[in-house]
């Protein structure tokens, strides 16, 4: 699987992947997540977006990352359902992981392919959050995400 930086003209593919990867949330009673709009193009353009390119030569997954308080923060990682459960998400996370640098993310506590998945990859729940992570949680809450269902996680540099 080829992983490379997205080009600006490929960002609409990223939105399509994000939209498709939201569909399984219907199966766990979270239709509002499945129905939510993908990350706007201008937001995507403000992050480093890496694509996983499938055998057909088209993007099948992506990870959007940025710097938050000295850590690599995963703003979004999505795998098209047609390519799920093949280790692509883990490969994308590994690709953006740098020695000596933590990786952070926010996710749902009670969705099997969220907190439990990231725990299997070595992430741990964080209870004390940095100012930048606190701001991300505030933005998620103001966008309608229930903070009781969300969790902040970190992959510590020693585990990288």
N, C-alpha and C. Protein backbone atom coordinates (compact mmCIF):
# COMPACT_ATOMS: atom_id res chain seq x y z
N UNK A 1 0.85 -1.18 0.00
CA UNK A 1 0.00 0.00 0.00
C UNK A 1 0.89 1.23 0.00
N UNK A 2 0.68 2.08 -0.95
CA UNK A 2 1.42 3.33 -1.05
C UNK A 2 0.78 4.37 -0.13
N UNK A 3 1.59 5.05 0.68
CA UNK A 3 1.13 6.16 1.51
C UNK A 3 1.90 7.39 1.06
N UNK A 4 1.14 8.45 0.76
CA UNK A 4 1.79 9.69 0.30
C UNK A 4 0.92 10.88 0.68
N UNK A 5 1.56 12.07 0.65
CA UNK A 5 0.82 13.30 0.92
C UNK A 5 -0.24 13.54 -0.15
N UNK A 6 -1.39 14.02 0.29
CA UNK A 6 -2.46 14.35 -0.65
C UNK A 6 -2.13 15.63 -1.39
N UNK A 7 -2.52 15.68 -2.63
CA UNK A 7 -2.43 16.89 -3.43
C UNK A 7 -3.75 17.66 -3.27
N UNK A 8 -3.74 18.98 -3.41
CA UNK A 8 -4.97 19.75 -3.22
C UNK A 8 -6.17 19.24 -4.03
N UNK A 9 -5.92 18.78 -5.25
CA UNK A 9 -7.04 18.32 -6.07
C UNK A 9 -7.57 16.95 -5.63
N UNK A 10 -6.90 16.30 -4.67
CA UNK A 10 -7.36 15.00 -4.16
C UNK A 10 -8.20 15.14 -2.90
N UNK A 11 -8.31 16.33 -2.35
CA UNK A 11 -9.05 16.50 -1.10
C UNK A 11 -10.53 16.13 -1.22
N UNK A 12 -11.18 16.30 -2.37
CA UNK A 12 -12.56 15.80 -2.47
C UNK A 12 -12.65 14.28 -2.28
N UNK A 13 -11.62 13.51 -2.69
CA UNK A 13 -11.59 12.08 -2.41
C UNK A 13 -11.61 11.84 -0.90
N UNK A 14 -10.87 12.67 -0.19
CA UNK A 14 -10.80 12.55 1.26
C UNK A 14 -12.19 12.72 1.86
N UNK A 15 -12.93 13.70 1.39
CA UNK A 15 -14.29 13.91 1.88
C UNK A 15 -15.18 12.70 1.57
N UNK A 16 -15.02 12.11 0.39
CA UNK A 16 -15.81 10.93 0.04
C UNK A 16 -15.48 9.75 0.95
N UNK A 17 -14.20 9.57 1.25
CA UNK A 17 -13.78 8.49 2.15
C UNK A 17 -14.36 8.73 3.54
N UNK A 18 -14.26 9.97 4.03
CA UNK A 18 -14.79 10.28 5.36
C UNK A 18 -16.29 10.01 5.42
N UNK A 19 -17.02 10.44 4.41
CA UNK A 19 -18.47 10.22 4.38
C UNK A 19 -18.79 8.73 4.38
N UNK A 20 -18.11 7.96 3.55
CA UNK A 20 -18.36 6.51 3.48
C UNK A 20 -17.99 5.83 4.80
N UNK A 21 -16.91 6.27 5.42
CA UNK A 21 -16.48 5.62 6.67
C UNK A 21 -17.40 5.97 7.83
N UNK A 22 -18.25 6.97 7.67
CA UNK A 22 -19.23 7.30 8.70
C UNK A 22 -20.44 6.39 8.69
N UNK A 23 -20.71 5.73 7.58
CA UNK A 23 -21.91 4.90 7.47
C UNK A 23 -22.01 3.81 8.56
N UNK A 24 -20.93 3.12 8.93
CA UNK A 24 -21.07 2.09 9.97
C UNK A 24 -21.56 2.62 11.33
N UNK A 25 -21.50 3.94 11.54
CA UNK A 25 -22.02 4.49 12.80
C UNK A 25 -23.53 4.28 12.90
N UNK A 26 -24.23 4.11 11.78
CA UNK A 26 -25.66 3.82 11.84
C UNK A 26 -25.92 2.52 12.60
N UNK A 27 -25.03 1.55 12.42
CA UNK A 27 -25.20 0.24 13.05
C UNK A 27 -25.07 0.27 14.56
N UNK A 28 -24.50 1.36 15.11
CA UNK A 28 -24.36 1.48 16.57
C UNK A 28 -25.23 2.62 17.10
N UNK A 29 -26.28 2.96 16.33
CA UNK A 29 -27.24 3.96 16.78
C UNK A 29 -26.76 5.39 16.73
N UNK A 30 -25.77 5.68 15.88
CA UNK A 30 -25.22 7.03 15.79
C UNK A 30 -25.42 7.60 14.38
N UNK A 31 -26.68 7.63 13.96
CA UNK A 31 -26.99 8.15 12.61
C UNK A 31 -26.56 9.60 12.45
N UNK A 32 -26.56 10.36 13.55
CA UNK A 32 -26.15 11.76 13.45
C UNK A 32 -24.70 11.87 12.99
N UNK A 33 -23.86 10.94 13.40
CA UNK A 33 -22.46 10.92 12.95
C UNK A 33 -22.41 10.53 11.47
N UNK A 34 -23.17 9.51 11.10
CA UNK A 34 -23.20 9.08 9.70
C UNK A 34 -23.71 10.20 8.78
N UNK A 35 -24.63 11.01 9.30
CA UNK A 35 -25.22 12.07 8.49
C UNK A 35 -24.42 13.37 8.51
N UNK A 36 -23.41 13.44 9.35
CA UNK A 36 -22.67 14.70 9.47
C UNK A 36 -21.82 14.95 8.22
N UNK A 37 -21.60 16.22 7.97
CA UNK A 37 -20.80 16.62 6.80
C UNK A 37 -19.33 16.26 7.03
N UNK A 38 -18.62 15.94 5.97
CA UNK A 38 -17.18 15.69 6.12
C UNK A 38 -16.44 16.98 6.42
N UNK A 39 -15.19 16.84 6.82
CA UNK A 39 -14.35 18.00 7.12
C UNK A 39 -14.31 18.91 5.89
N UNK A 40 -14.56 20.21 6.07
CA UNK A 40 -14.52 21.13 4.93
C UNK A 40 -13.15 21.15 4.26
N UNK A 41 -13.15 21.42 2.96
CA UNK A 41 -11.90 21.43 2.20
C UNK A 41 -10.89 22.41 2.79
N UNK A 42 -11.34 23.58 3.25
CA UNK A 42 -10.40 24.55 3.81
C UNK A 42 -9.76 24.03 5.10
N UNK A 43 -10.51 23.25 5.89
CA UNK A 43 -9.92 22.64 7.10
C UNK A 43 -8.91 21.56 6.70
N UNK A 44 -9.28 20.75 5.73
CA UNK A 44 -8.34 19.71 5.26
C UNK A 44 -7.06 20.34 4.76
N UNK A 45 -7.18 21.44 4.04
CA UNK A 45 -6.01 22.11 3.48
C UNK A 45 -5.09 22.64 4.57
N UNK A 46 -5.62 22.84 5.78
CA UNK A 46 -4.83 23.33 6.89
C UNK A 46 -4.09 22.26 7.67
N UNK A 47 -4.24 21.00 7.27
CA UNK A 47 -3.58 19.88 7.93
C UNK A 47 -2.65 19.17 6.95
N UNK A 48 -1.77 18.36 7.49
CA UNK A 48 -1.03 17.42 6.65
C UNK A 48 -1.96 16.23 6.42
N UNK A 49 -2.30 15.97 5.19
CA UNK A 49 -3.20 14.88 4.86
C UNK A 49 -2.43 13.84 4.06
N UNK A 50 -2.38 12.63 4.62
CA UNK A 50 -1.70 11.51 3.98
C UNK A 50 -2.75 10.56 3.44
N UNK A 51 -2.53 10.06 2.25
CA UNK A 51 -3.44 9.12 1.61
C UNK A 51 -2.84 7.73 1.56
N UNK A 52 -3.69 6.73 1.71
CA UNK A 52 -3.33 5.35 1.40
C UNK A 52 -3.96 5.07 0.03
N UNK A 53 -3.13 4.68 -0.90
CA UNK A 53 -3.57 4.46 -2.28
C UNK A 53 -3.77 2.97 -2.50
N UNK A 54 -4.96 2.61 -2.95
CA UNK A 54 -5.30 1.21 -3.19
C UNK A 54 -4.72 0.68 -4.49
N UNK A 55 -4.93 -0.60 -4.71
CA UNK A 55 -4.41 -1.27 -5.90
C UNK A 55 -4.94 -0.65 -7.19
N UNK A 56 -6.13 -0.04 -7.11
CA UNK A 56 -6.72 0.58 -8.29
C UNK A 56 -6.11 1.95 -8.59
N UNK A 57 -5.21 2.41 -7.71
CA UNK A 57 -4.57 3.70 -7.90
C UNK A 57 -5.36 4.88 -7.35
N UNK A 58 -6.43 4.61 -6.61
CA UNK A 58 -7.22 5.68 -6.01
C UNK A 58 -7.11 5.63 -4.49
N UNK A 59 -7.28 6.78 -3.83
CA UNK A 59 -7.21 6.80 -2.37
C UNK A 59 -8.32 5.95 -1.75
N UNK A 60 -7.94 5.17 -0.72
CA UNK A 60 -8.90 4.32 0.00
C UNK A 60 -8.96 4.69 1.48
N UNK A 61 -8.03 5.52 1.95
CA UNK A 61 -7.99 5.93 3.34
C UNK A 61 -7.14 7.18 3.46
N UNK A 62 -7.32 7.88 4.59
CA UNK A 62 -6.51 9.06 4.82
C UNK A 62 -6.33 9.30 6.30
N UNK A 63 -5.32 10.10 6.61
CA UNK A 63 -5.12 10.60 7.96
C UNK A 63 -4.77 12.07 7.83
N UNK A 64 -5.45 12.90 8.63
CA UNK A 64 -5.19 14.34 8.67
C UNK A 64 -4.58 14.66 10.03
N UNK A 65 -3.38 15.20 10.02
CA UNK A 65 -2.67 15.46 11.28
C UNK A 65 -2.17 16.90 11.32
N UNK A 66 -1.88 17.33 12.53
CA UNK A 66 -1.29 18.64 12.75
C UNK A 66 -0.58 18.64 14.09
N UNK A 67 0.03 19.74 14.41
CA UNK A 67 0.74 19.88 15.68
C UNK A 67 -0.20 20.48 16.72
N UNK A 68 -0.31 19.83 17.86
CA UNK A 68 -1.08 20.36 18.99
C UNK A 68 -0.21 20.22 20.22
N UNK A 69 0.24 21.34 20.73
CA UNK A 69 1.04 21.38 21.96
C UNK A 69 2.25 20.43 21.92
N UNK A 70 2.92 20.41 20.78
CA UNK A 70 4.14 19.63 20.65
C UNK A 70 3.93 18.16 20.33
N UNK A 71 2.70 17.75 20.14
CA UNK A 71 2.41 16.35 19.77
C UNK A 71 1.84 16.33 18.35
N UNK A 72 1.95 15.19 17.71
CA UNK A 72 1.28 14.99 16.44
C UNK A 72 -0.17 14.63 16.77
N UNK A 73 -1.09 15.48 16.36
CA UNK A 73 -2.50 15.22 16.67
C UNK A 73 -3.22 14.70 15.43
N UNK A 74 -3.91 13.59 15.60
CA UNK A 74 -4.71 13.00 14.53
C UNK A 74 -6.08 13.67 14.57
N UNK A 75 -6.33 14.54 13.61
CA UNK A 75 -7.63 15.21 13.52
C UNK A 75 -8.68 14.26 12.96
N UNK A 76 -8.26 13.41 12.06
CA UNK A 76 -9.19 12.45 11.46
C UNK A 76 -8.39 11.34 10.80
N UNK A 77 -8.85 10.13 10.98
CA UNK A 77 -8.33 9.00 10.22
C UNK A 77 -9.55 8.21 9.77
N UNK A 78 -9.63 7.94 8.49
CA UNK A 78 -10.79 7.25 7.93
C UNK A 78 -10.33 6.27 6.86
N UNK A 79 -10.97 5.11 6.88
CA UNK A 79 -10.72 4.07 5.88
C UNK A 79 -12.05 3.77 5.21
N UNK A 80 -12.05 3.75 3.90
CA UNK A 80 -13.28 3.41 3.18
C UNK A 80 -13.71 2.01 3.62
N UNK A 81 -15.00 1.81 3.89
CA UNK A 81 -15.46 0.49 4.36
C UNK A 81 -15.06 -0.68 3.45
N UNK A 82 -14.90 -0.43 2.16
CA UNK A 82 -14.49 -1.51 1.26
C UNK A 82 -13.06 -1.97 1.52
N UNK A 83 -12.30 -1.21 2.30
CA UNK A 83 -10.92 -1.56 2.61
C UNK A 83 -10.66 -1.67 4.12
N UNK A 84 -11.75 -1.74 4.88
CA UNK A 84 -11.63 -1.82 6.34
C UNK A 84 -11.05 -3.17 6.77
N UNK A 85 -10.52 -3.19 7.97
CA UNK A 85 -9.99 -4.40 8.62
C UNK A 85 -8.82 -5.02 7.85
N UNK A 86 -8.04 -4.15 7.22
CA UNK A 86 -6.85 -4.63 6.51
C UNK A 86 -5.57 -4.02 7.07
N UNK A 87 -5.68 -3.31 8.19
CA UNK A 87 -4.51 -2.69 8.82
C UNK A 87 -4.12 -1.35 8.22
N UNK A 88 -4.96 -0.79 7.38
CA UNK A 88 -4.62 0.47 6.71
C UNK A 88 -4.60 1.63 7.69
N UNK A 89 -5.59 1.70 8.58
CA UNK A 89 -5.61 2.77 9.57
C UNK A 89 -4.38 2.74 10.45
N UNK A 90 -4.01 1.54 10.90
CA UNK A 90 -2.81 1.39 11.73
C UNK A 90 -1.56 1.80 10.95
N UNK A 91 -1.51 1.46 9.68
CA UNK A 91 -0.35 1.84 8.85
C UNK A 91 -0.26 3.35 8.70
N UNK A 92 -1.40 4.01 8.57
CA UNK A 92 -1.39 5.47 8.46
C UNK A 92 -0.91 6.10 9.77
N UNK A 93 -1.38 5.58 10.90
CA UNK A 93 -0.94 6.11 12.19
C UNK A 93 0.56 5.88 12.36
N UNK A 94 1.01 4.71 12.02
CA UNK A 94 2.45 4.43 12.11
C UNK A 94 3.24 5.37 11.20
N UNK A 95 2.69 5.68 10.04
CA UNK A 95 3.38 6.54 9.08
C UNK A 95 3.62 7.95 9.63
N UNK A 96 2.67 8.47 10.41
CA UNK A 96 2.81 9.83 10.93
C UNK A 96 3.48 9.89 12.29
N UNK A 97 3.80 8.73 12.85
CA UNK A 97 4.45 8.67 14.16
C UNK A 97 5.94 8.95 14.01
N UNK A 98 6.44 9.82 14.87
CA UNK A 98 7.84 10.21 14.84
C UNK A 98 8.50 9.87 16.17
N UNK A 99 9.74 9.38 16.15
CA UNK A 99 10.44 9.06 17.39
C UNK A 99 10.50 10.27 18.33
N UNK A 100 10.25 10.02 19.59
CA UNK A 100 10.34 11.07 20.60
C UNK A 100 9.16 12.03 20.63
N UNK A 101 8.13 11.74 19.87
CA UNK A 101 6.98 12.66 19.78
C UNK A 101 5.69 11.87 20.05
N UNK A 102 4.88 12.39 20.95
CA UNK A 102 3.60 11.75 21.25
C UNK A 102 2.63 11.94 20.09
N UNK A 103 1.66 11.05 20.01
CA UNK A 103 0.56 11.15 19.05
C UNK A 103 -0.72 11.22 19.87
N UNK A 104 -1.56 12.21 19.60
CA UNK A 104 -2.81 12.35 20.33
C UNK A 104 -4.00 12.29 19.38
N UNK A 105 -5.16 12.01 19.95
CA UNK A 105 -6.40 12.00 19.19
C UNK A 105 -7.58 12.06 20.15
N UNK A 106 -8.74 12.38 19.62
CA UNK A 106 -9.99 12.26 20.36
C UNK A 106 -10.86 11.27 19.60
N UNK A 107 -11.68 10.52 20.35
CA UNK A 107 -12.49 9.49 19.71
C UNK A 107 -13.66 9.13 20.60
N UNK A 108 -14.52 8.26 20.13
CA UNK A 108 -15.66 7.80 20.92
C UNK A 108 -15.23 6.67 21.84
N UNK A 109 -15.69 6.74 23.09
CA UNK A 109 -15.38 5.71 24.08
C UNK A 109 -16.01 4.37 23.74
N UNK A 110 -17.24 4.41 23.30
CA UNK A 110 -18.07 3.20 23.27
C UNK A 110 -18.33 2.66 21.87
N UNK A 111 -17.50 3.01 20.93
CA UNK A 111 -17.62 2.48 19.57
C UNK A 111 -16.47 1.50 19.36
N UNK A 112 -16.77 0.25 19.00
CA UNK A 112 -15.72 -0.78 18.94
C UNK A 112 -14.50 -0.42 18.08
N UNK A 113 -14.71 0.32 16.99
CA UNK A 113 -13.57 0.67 16.13
C UNK A 113 -12.98 2.03 16.51
N UNK A 114 -13.27 2.49 17.72
CA UNK A 114 -12.70 3.75 18.22
C UNK A 114 -11.82 3.44 19.43
N UNK A 115 -12.21 3.79 20.65
CA UNK A 115 -11.31 3.62 21.80
C UNK A 115 -10.71 2.22 21.89
N UNK A 116 -11.49 1.14 21.81
CA UNK A 116 -10.86 -0.19 21.92
C UNK A 116 -9.82 -0.45 20.83
N UNK A 117 -10.08 0.03 19.64
CA UNK A 117 -9.13 -0.13 18.53
C UNK A 117 -7.82 0.60 18.85
N UNK A 118 -7.93 1.85 19.26
CA UNK A 118 -6.73 2.63 19.55
C UNK A 118 -5.96 2.06 20.74
N UNK A 119 -6.66 1.50 21.70
CA UNK A 119 -5.98 0.85 22.82
C UNK A 119 -5.15 -0.34 22.32
N UNK A 120 -5.68 -1.08 21.37
CA UNK A 120 -4.92 -2.21 20.80
C UNK A 120 -3.66 -1.71 20.09
N UNK A 121 -3.68 -0.47 19.60
CA UNK A 121 -2.51 0.11 18.94
C UNK A 121 -1.52 0.72 19.95
N UNK A 122 -1.87 0.73 21.23
CA UNK A 122 -0.98 1.25 22.25
C UNK A 122 -1.36 2.60 22.82
N UNK A 123 -2.44 3.20 22.35
CA UNK A 123 -2.89 4.48 22.89
C UNK A 123 -3.46 4.28 24.29
N UNK A 124 -3.32 5.32 25.10
CA UNK A 124 -3.85 5.32 26.46
C UNK A 124 -4.78 6.51 26.64
N UNK A 125 -5.77 6.35 27.51
CA UNK A 125 -6.69 7.45 27.81
C UNK A 125 -5.95 8.51 28.62
N UNK A 126 -6.20 9.76 28.29
CA UNK A 126 -5.60 10.89 28.98
C UNK A 126 -6.69 11.56 29.82
N UNK A 127 -6.39 11.85 31.07
CA UNK A 127 -7.35 12.56 31.91
C UNK A 127 -6.95 14.02 32.09
N UNK A 128 -5.66 14.31 32.08
CA UNK A 128 -5.17 15.69 32.14
C UNK A 128 -4.79 16.08 30.72
N UNK A 129 -5.49 17.08 30.17
CA UNK A 129 -5.24 17.46 28.79
C UNK A 129 -4.52 18.80 28.70
N UNK A 130 -3.74 18.94 27.66
CA UNK A 130 -3.02 20.19 27.39
C UNK A 130 -4.02 21.25 26.94
N UNK A 131 -3.62 22.51 26.94
CA UNK A 131 -4.54 23.57 26.48
C UNK A 131 -5.06 23.36 25.06
N UNK A 132 -4.19 22.92 24.17
CA UNK A 132 -4.63 22.69 22.79
C UNK A 132 -5.64 21.57 22.67
N UNK A 133 -5.44 20.50 23.43
CA UNK A 133 -6.39 19.39 23.42
C UNK A 133 -7.71 19.82 24.07
N UNK A 134 -7.63 20.63 25.13
CA UNK A 134 -8.85 21.14 25.77
C UNK A 134 -9.66 21.97 24.77
N UNK A 135 -8.98 22.74 23.94
CA UNK A 135 -9.67 23.54 22.93
C UNK A 135 -10.33 22.64 21.89
N UNK A 136 -9.68 21.56 21.50
CA UNK A 136 -10.28 20.61 20.55
C UNK A 136 -11.55 20.00 21.16
N UNK A 137 -11.48 19.61 22.42
CA UNK A 137 -12.65 19.05 23.10
C UNK A 137 -13.77 20.09 23.16
N UNK A 138 -13.44 21.34 23.45
CA UNK A 138 -14.47 22.41 23.47
C UNK A 138 -15.12 22.57 22.09
N UNK A 139 -14.31 22.55 21.04
CA UNK A 139 -14.86 22.68 19.68
C UNK A 139 -15.77 21.50 19.33
N UNK A 140 -15.34 20.29 19.72
CA UNK A 140 -16.17 19.10 19.46
C UNK A 140 -17.51 19.21 20.19
N UNK A 141 -17.45 19.67 21.43
CA UNK A 141 -18.67 19.82 22.22
C UNK A 141 -19.59 20.86 21.60
N UNK A 142 -19.02 21.99 21.18
CA UNK A 142 -19.85 23.03 20.57
C UNK A 142 -20.42 22.58 19.22
N UNK A 143 -19.78 21.59 18.58
CA UNK A 143 -20.29 21.05 17.33
C UNK A 143 -21.35 19.96 17.56
N UNK A 144 -21.64 19.68 18.85
CA UNK A 144 -22.71 18.73 19.15
C UNK A 144 -22.27 17.37 19.62
N UNK A 145 -20.97 17.12 19.73
CA UNK A 145 -20.52 15.82 20.22
C UNK A 145 -20.62 15.80 21.74
N UNK A 146 -21.19 14.74 22.27
CA UNK A 146 -21.38 14.59 23.71
C UNK A 146 -20.04 14.29 24.37
N UNK A 147 -19.55 15.19 25.23
CA UNK A 147 -18.24 14.96 25.85
C UNK A 147 -18.20 13.71 26.72
N UNK A 148 -19.35 13.24 27.20
CA UNK A 148 -19.38 12.02 28.00
C UNK A 148 -19.09 10.78 27.15
N UNK A 149 -19.27 10.89 25.85
CA UNK A 149 -19.01 9.77 24.94
C UNK A 149 -17.64 9.86 24.28
N UNK A 150 -16.92 10.96 24.56
CA UNK A 150 -15.63 11.19 23.92
C UNK A 150 -14.49 10.91 24.89
N UNK A 151 -13.33 10.65 24.34
CA UNK A 151 -12.15 10.40 25.14
C UNK A 151 -10.94 10.96 24.40
N UNK A 152 -9.99 11.47 25.16
CA UNK A 152 -8.71 11.93 24.60
C UNK A 152 -7.70 10.82 24.85
N UNK A 153 -6.92 10.49 23.84
CA UNK A 153 -5.95 9.40 23.95
C UNK A 153 -4.57 9.86 23.47
N UNK A 154 -3.55 9.18 23.96
CA UNK A 154 -2.17 9.49 23.57
C UNK A 154 -1.40 8.19 23.36
N UNK A 155 -0.53 8.23 22.37
CA UNK A 155 0.47 7.19 22.16
C UNK A 155 1.78 7.84 22.57
N UNK A 156 2.34 7.39 23.67
CA UNK A 156 3.54 8.04 24.22
C UNK A 156 4.76 7.72 23.39
N UNK A 157 5.74 8.64 23.39
CA UNK A 157 6.95 8.43 22.58
C UNK A 157 7.69 7.15 22.92
N UNK A 158 7.67 6.73 24.16
CA UNK A 158 8.37 5.50 24.55
C UNK A 158 7.77 4.28 23.86
N UNK A 159 6.50 4.40 23.43
CA UNK A 159 5.82 3.29 22.77
C UNK A 159 5.99 3.35 21.27
N UNK A 160 6.57 4.41 20.79
CA UNK A 160 6.69 4.62 19.34
C UNK A 160 7.84 3.82 18.78
